[in-house]
Protein backbone atom coordinates (compact mmCIF):
# COMPACT_ATOMS: atom_id res chain seq x y z
CA MET A 1 42.47 -14.29 -1.88
CA ILE A 2 39.71 -13.17 0.52
CA ASN A 3 37.04 -12.16 -2.01
CA PRO A 4 37.69 -14.19 -5.15
CA THR A 5 35.82 -13.39 -8.36
CA ALA A 6 33.89 -15.99 -10.34
CA ARG A 7 36.78 -16.19 -12.83
CA ASP A 8 39.27 -16.78 -9.98
CA LEU A 9 37.17 -19.67 -8.72
CA ALA A 10 36.93 -21.13 -12.21
CA ARG A 11 40.76 -21.13 -12.56
CA ARG A 12 41.42 -22.49 -9.05
CA PRO A 13 42.42 -26.17 -8.80
CA PRO A 14 39.57 -28.17 -7.26
CA THR A 15 41.76 -29.37 -4.38
CA GLU A 16 42.74 -25.86 -3.24
CA PRO A 17 40.65 -24.74 -0.20
CA LEU A 18 38.67 -21.51 -0.65
CA GLN A 19 39.71 -20.14 2.76
CA ARG A 20 41.46 -21.28 5.85
CA ARG A 21 39.22 -21.85 8.87
CA GLY A 22 41.19 -19.36 10.92
CA SER A 23 39.99 -16.47 8.72
CA LEU A 24 36.34 -17.51 8.74
CA LYS A 25 33.71 -15.72 10.79
CA PRO A 26 30.86 -17.66 12.44
CA LEU A 27 27.73 -17.80 10.29
CA LYS A 28 24.83 -16.35 12.25
CA THR A 29 21.89 -18.72 12.05
CA VAL A 30 18.74 -19.36 14.05
CA SER A 31 16.73 -22.46 14.76
CA LEU A 32 13.89 -23.03 12.29
CA LEU A 33 11.42 -22.83 15.19
CA GLN A 34 12.82 -19.43 16.20
CA ALA A 35 13.12 -17.96 12.72
CA HIS A 36 9.66 -16.44 12.37
CA PRO A 37 8.07 -15.27 15.66
CA TYR A 38 6.09 -12.52 13.90
CA VAL A 39 3.45 -12.72 11.17
CA ASN A 40 2.50 -10.40 8.31
CA ILE A 41 -1.08 -10.50 7.05
CA LEU A 42 -2.79 -8.96 4.02
CA LEU A 43 -6.53 -8.46 4.56
CA ILE A 44 -8.52 -7.98 1.35
CA GLY A 45 -12.18 -7.19 0.84
CA PRO A 46 -14.74 -4.76 -0.61
CA TYR A 47 -15.84 -1.48 0.92
CA GLY A 48 -17.54 -2.01 4.29
CA ALA A 49 -16.56 -5.67 4.65
CA GLY A 50 -14.91 -5.06 8.04
CA LYS A 51 -11.20 -5.02 7.15
CA THR A 52 -10.30 -2.13 9.47
CA ILE A 53 -12.33 -3.49 12.39
CA LEU A 54 -10.76 -6.93 11.97
CA ALA A 55 -7.25 -5.45 11.84
CA GLY A 56 -7.97 -3.23 14.85
CA SER A 57 -9.18 -6.21 16.87
CA ALA A 58 -5.49 -7.05 17.33
CA ALA A 59 -5.61 -4.54 20.19
CA ALA A 60 -8.03 -6.84 22.01
CA ASP A 61 -5.52 -9.70 21.99
CA PRO A 62 -3.62 -10.09 25.29
CA ARG A 63 -0.43 -10.92 23.36
CA ILE A 64 -0.38 -7.42 21.87
CA LYS A 65 0.89 -4.62 24.12
CA ARG A 66 0.63 -1.62 21.79
CA VAL A 67 -0.62 -1.08 18.21
CA LEU A 68 0.50 1.57 15.72
CA TYR A 69 -2.26 2.41 13.23
CA MET A 70 -0.79 4.02 10.09
CA ASP A 71 -3.77 5.90 8.71
CA PHE A 72 -3.73 6.48 4.94
CA ASP A 73 -7.51 6.19 4.62
CA ASP A 74 -8.95 8.43 7.39
CA GLY A 75 -10.53 5.23 8.67
CA THR A 76 -10.21 5.72 12.42
CA MET A 77 -13.98 6.09 12.85
CA SER A 78 -14.27 2.34 12.27
CA LEU A 79 -12.07 1.74 15.32
CA GLN A 80 -14.08 3.88 17.73
CA PRO A 81 -15.26 1.78 20.72
CA VAL A 82 -18.94 1.14 19.97
CA GLU A 83 -20.70 -1.84 21.53
CA PRO A 84 -21.05 -4.65 20.58
CA ASP A 85 -18.08 -4.27 18.21
CA GLN A 86 -14.78 -6.03 18.75
CA ILE A 87 -12.91 -3.01 20.15
CA SER A 88 -13.69 -1.78 23.67
CA LEU A 89 -12.56 1.47 25.26
CA GLU A 90 -9.83 -0.41 27.13
CA HIS A 91 -8.51 -1.96 23.90
CA ALA A 92 -8.80 1.29 21.91
CA GLU A 93 -6.37 2.92 24.36
CA LYS A 94 -3.70 0.47 23.16
CA ILE A 95 -3.90 1.96 19.63
CA ARG A 96 -1.81 4.96 18.59
CA VAL A 97 -2.71 6.65 15.28
CA LYS A 98 -0.14 8.07 12.86
CA PRO A 99 -1.83 10.02 10.02
CA ILE A 100 0.07 9.66 6.73
CA LYS A 101 -0.50 12.68 4.49
CA ASN A 102 2.84 12.87 2.66
CA PHE A 103 3.91 9.35 1.70
CA MET A 104 7.68 9.76 1.54
CA VAL A 105 8.06 12.19 4.47
CA ASP A 106 5.57 10.72 6.97
CA LEU A 107 6.21 7.06 6.16
CA ASN A 108 10.00 7.43 6.23
CA GLU A 109 9.83 9.31 9.54
CA THR A 110 7.59 6.61 11.04
CA THR A 111 9.65 3.69 9.76
CA ARG A 112 12.88 5.24 10.99
CA TYR A 113 11.33 5.69 14.45
CA LEU A 114 10.23 2.05 14.49
CA GLU A 115 13.69 0.86 13.43
CA GLU A 116 15.40 2.91 16.15
CA THR A 117 13.04 1.82 18.94
CA ALA A 118 13.42 -1.82 17.86
CA LYS A 119 17.16 -1.82 18.52
CA PRO A 120 18.34 -3.90 21.50
CA GLY A 121 18.67 -1.90 24.70
CA PHE A 122 16.27 0.89 23.70
CA LEU A 123 14.40 2.02 26.81
CA GLU A 124 10.80 2.90 26.02
CA ASP A 125 8.59 5.32 27.91
CA ASP A 126 5.31 7.18 27.33
CA GLU A 127 6.98 9.60 24.91
CA PHE A 128 8.96 6.95 23.03
CA PRO A 129 6.82 3.79 23.04
CA LYS A 130 7.58 0.53 21.27
CA PHE A 131 4.97 -1.18 19.10
CA ASP A 132 4.52 -4.92 18.65
CA CYS A 133 1.83 -4.68 15.97
CA ILE A 134 1.55 -2.31 12.99
CA ILE A 135 -1.62 -1.76 10.96
CA LEU A 136 -1.30 -0.14 7.53
CA ASP A 137 -4.73 0.98 6.36
CA SER A 138 -5.03 0.87 3.44
CA LEU A 139 -2.63 -0.26 0.72
CA ASP A 140 -4.74 1.05 -2.17
CA GLU A 141 -4.91 4.52 -0.61
CA SER A 142 -1.16 4.51 0.11
CA GLN A 143 -0.49 3.67 -3.55
CA LYS A 144 -2.61 6.62 -4.67
CA LEU A 145 -0.90 8.94 -2.19
CA LEU A 146 2.52 7.82 -3.40
CA MET A 147 1.53 8.36 -7.05
CA GLU A 148 0.33 11.86 -6.24
CA GLY A 149 3.75 12.59 -4.74
CA ILE A 150 5.54 11.21 -7.80
CA ARG A 151 3.42 13.30 -10.15
CA ARG A 152 3.97 16.39 -7.97
CA GLU A 153 7.74 15.89 -8.19
CA ASP A 154 7.53 15.46 -11.98
CA ASN A 155 5.43 18.60 -12.37
CA ASP A 156 7.74 20.62 -10.12
CA ALA A 157 10.71 19.49 -12.24
CA ALA A 158 8.85 20.44 -15.45
CA ARG A 159 8.01 23.90 -14.07
CA GLU A 160 11.64 24.43 -13.02
CA THR A 161 12.82 23.45 -16.51
CA ALA A 162 10.34 25.89 -18.05
CA ARG A 163 11.59 28.65 -15.73
CA LYS A 164 15.20 28.03 -16.79
CA MET A 165 14.16 28.18 -20.45
CA GLY A 166 12.52 31.56 -19.93
CA LYS A 167 8.97 30.22 -20.23
CA ASN A 168 6.08 30.93 -17.92
CA PRO A 169 5.95 27.99 -15.44
CA ASP A 170 2.24 28.67 -14.85
CA GLU A 171 1.59 27.51 -18.43
CA ILE A 172 2.94 24.04 -17.61
CA PHE A 173 -0.02 21.76 -17.06
CA PRO A 174 0.25 18.49 -15.15
CA GLY A 175 0.83 15.56 -17.47
CA ARG A 176 -0.61 12.09 -17.16
CA ALA A 177 1.27 9.36 -15.32
CA ASP A 178 3.36 7.23 -17.68
CA TRP A 179 4.90 3.76 -17.39
CA SER A 180 8.01 5.10 -15.62
CA ASP A 181 5.84 6.71 -12.92
CA TYR A 182 4.07 3.41 -12.32
CA GLY A 183 7.46 1.66 -12.21
CA VAL A 184 8.71 4.04 -9.51
CA ASN A 185 5.40 3.71 -7.68
CA SER A 186 5.65 -0.08 -7.65
CA THR A 187 9.30 -0.20 -6.61
CA VAL A 188 8.95 2.30 -3.76
CA LEU A 189 5.75 0.76 -2.36
CA LYS A 190 7.16 -2.79 -2.33
CA SER A 191 10.41 -1.52 -0.80
CA CYS A 192 8.49 0.20 2.01
CA ILE A 193 6.51 -2.95 2.77
CA ARG A 194 9.71 -5.03 2.93
CA ARG A 195 11.28 -2.44 5.24
CA ILE A 196 8.34 -2.59 7.65
CA LYS A 197 8.20 -6.39 7.43
CA ALA A 198 11.80 -6.55 8.66
CA LEU A 199 10.79 -4.95 11.98
CA PRO A 200 10.33 -7.18 15.05
CA CYS A 201 6.55 -6.86 15.17
CA HIS A 202 3.39 -8.16 13.55
CA LEU A 203 2.19 -6.40 10.38
CA ILE A 204 -1.43 -6.21 9.24
CA VAL A 205 -2.16 -4.49 5.91
CA THR A 206 -5.61 -3.88 4.44
CA CYS A 207 -6.49 -3.46 0.76
CA LYS A 208 -9.73 -3.12 -1.17
CA ASP A 209 -10.50 -5.45 -4.04
CA GLN A 210 -11.84 -4.80 -7.53
CA ASP A 211 -15.62 -4.84 -7.90
CA LYS A 212 -15.35 -7.41 -10.71
CA ASP A 213 -13.18 -10.36 -11.73
CA ASP A 214 -10.08 -9.87 -13.85
CA GLU A 215 -10.82 -10.62 -17.52
CA THR A 216 -7.59 -12.60 -17.94
CA THR A 217 -7.31 -14.61 -14.73
CA HIS A 218 -11.04 -14.67 -13.87
CA THR A 219 -10.13 -13.92 -10.26
CA ARG A 220 -10.85 -10.95 -8.01
CA GLN A 221 -7.76 -8.71 -7.93
CA LEU A 222 -6.57 -6.01 -5.55
CA LEU A 223 -7.59 -2.41 -6.21
CA LEU A 224 -4.09 -1.63 -7.45
CA PRO A 225 -2.31 -1.23 -10.81
CA ARG A 226 -2.03 -4.61 -12.49
CA SER A 227 1.67 -5.28 -11.77
CA LEU A 228 1.25 -4.43 -8.09
CA ALA A 229 -1.94 -6.46 -7.83
CA PHE A 230 0.02 -9.56 -8.89
CA ASP A 231 3.20 -8.83 -6.89
CA ILE A 232 1.91 -7.62 -3.53
CA PRO A 233 0.34 -10.90 -2.26
CA GLY A 234 3.72 -12.60 -2.64
CA LEU A 235 5.17 -10.34 0.06
CA PHE A 236 2.90 -11.68 2.81
CA ASP A 237 2.68 -14.87 4.86
CA GLU A 238 -1.10 -14.80 5.00
CA VAL A 239 -3.40 -13.41 2.30
CA LEU A 240 -6.97 -13.46 3.62
CA TRP A 241 -10.24 -12.26 2.10
CA ILE A 242 -13.10 -10.95 4.25
CA ALA A 243 -16.66 -10.64 3.01
CA GLN A 244 -20.22 -10.34 4.24
CA GLU A 245 -22.26 -13.38 3.24
CA THR A 246 -25.84 -14.45 3.81
CA ARG A 247 -25.99 -17.84 5.52
CA SER A 248 -28.62 -20.04 7.13
CA ASN A 249 -28.94 -20.11 10.91
CA ARG A 250 -30.20 -23.63 11.60
CA GLU A 251 -30.94 -22.99 15.27
CA GLU A 252 -33.11 -19.92 14.67
CA LYS A 253 -34.25 -21.21 11.25
CA LYS A 254 -33.52 -17.99 9.41
CA ARG A 255 -30.92 -16.46 7.14
CA GLU A 256 -28.49 -13.84 8.47
CA ILE A 257 -25.53 -11.78 7.30
CA VAL A 258 -22.24 -13.19 8.56
CA HIS A 259 -18.69 -11.85 8.33
CA VAL A 260 -16.59 -14.62 6.79
CA LEU A 261 -12.79 -14.72 6.42
CA HIS A 262 -11.61 -16.90 3.51
CA CYS A 263 -8.16 -18.37 4.19
CA LYS A 264 -7.75 -20.83 1.32
CA THR A 265 -7.99 -20.62 -2.45
CA GLU A 266 -11.09 -22.53 -3.44
CA PRO A 267 -10.88 -24.75 -6.55
CA GLY A 268 -12.27 -22.65 -9.39
CA GLY A 269 -12.99 -19.82 -6.95
CA ALA A 270 -12.68 -16.13 -7.73
CA ARG A 271 -10.64 -15.31 -4.64
CA ILE A 272 -6.98 -16.27 -4.37
CA ALA A 273 -5.90 -16.63 -0.73
CA LYS A 274 -2.68 -17.89 0.82
CA ASP A 275 -1.83 -19.58 4.10
CA ARG A 276 1.89 -20.22 4.46
CA SER A 277 1.42 -21.60 7.97
CA ARG A 278 -1.00 -24.31 6.75
CA ARG A 279 -2.74 -23.92 10.11
CA LEU A 280 -5.77 -21.82 9.19
CA PRO A 281 -9.10 -23.41 8.32
CA ALA A 282 -10.71 -22.80 4.93
CA GLU A 283 -12.85 -20.06 6.45
CA ILE A 284 -13.54 -18.36 9.79
CA GLU A 285 -16.96 -16.97 10.65
CA TRP A 286 -17.02 -13.75 12.68
CA PRO A 287 -13.21 -13.52 12.59
CA THR A 288 -11.03 -11.67 15.10
CA MET A 289 -7.26 -11.32 15.21
CA THR A 290 -7.25 -13.36 18.42
CA LYS A 291 -8.81 -16.30 16.53
CA ILE A 292 -6.23 -15.90 13.74
CA PHE A 293 -3.31 -15.63 16.20
CA ASP A 294 -4.55 -18.72 18.02
CA TYR A 295 -4.66 -20.73 14.79
CA LEU A 296 -1.18 -19.49 13.88
CA HIS A 297 0.21 -20.35 17.34
CA ILE A 298 1.47 -16.79 17.80
CA ALA A 299 3.64 -16.52 20.91
CA THR A 300 3.12 -13.95 23.62
CA ASN A 301 5.09 -10.72 23.35
CA THR A 302 7.52 -11.93 26.04
CA GLU A 303 8.09 -15.28 24.32
CA ALA A 304 8.70 -13.63 20.94
CA THR A 305 11.20 -11.22 22.51
CA GLU A 306 13.02 -14.09 24.20
CA GLU A 307 13.22 -16.00 20.90
CA GLU A 308 14.58 -12.92 19.12
CA THR A 309 17.15 -12.31 21.89
CA HIS A 310 18.25 -15.94 21.74
CA ALA A 311 18.64 -15.70 17.95
CA ASN A 312 20.80 -12.56 18.26
CA THR A 313 23.03 -13.94 21.01
CA HIS A 314 23.51 -17.49 19.68
CA PRO A 315 25.09 -17.37 16.21
């Protein structure tokens, strides 16, 4: 019995073997140290905190060969090489921009391309490049774009129904989103993130936060519908909050505005962060992706590829 049911197993005598060894296939496993060569990061913060610039600074890291910037937010102006920002002209040339205007069409096309180019043996060139880092900017805008598509499909279906019933479809007015629309929105968005996470590359996702604390949890939540705001952080290895804060400069004896990345949940604090690696400090002043990669012990692109190849060839 190759695929026994639960009832079959319950009736089987405890001494009877489940299968003979000769019919077993090797179980493909990888070493714990080789299991996770890539990292996925969620960057959260208010408008103008520097999320896009921080994410884009991945292009300045020597371990990153090429970056794909998935633009939901028309935020490429933040990545233009302007001194003394973190992105130079040389680094900006490593970034390729994919505008996302239709969520399902553009995102599915992009993800399928990434999956195909990630297959072993794919030969890249200038027309078909591979990417070792993906930036999705931003999650809150992608959620809105997806909801617009869902509502458009619902309204098109309602107009078609009206046409079949002999009514004037122009008299059908768009309805408000209901709980089922938000359910579809949540399911599709989380599925897309998981699909991109499965790719052999680093993933950096930005998201704005609410301008006030949640009345129930007394914490600052993502600028997303409530269910998504609670679920999304669980999909990422690192959940980091960036903010501009005024701090004292002891050397110059004055106060200045500093970009600070919060990597840990502070006791009683309003921001909930997460560091699965347990390698990041509580906060990083003037953060860059190179600093974060260094703390996380991210391997070079060659080393990560070698680890992945070893995992695929040594079951």
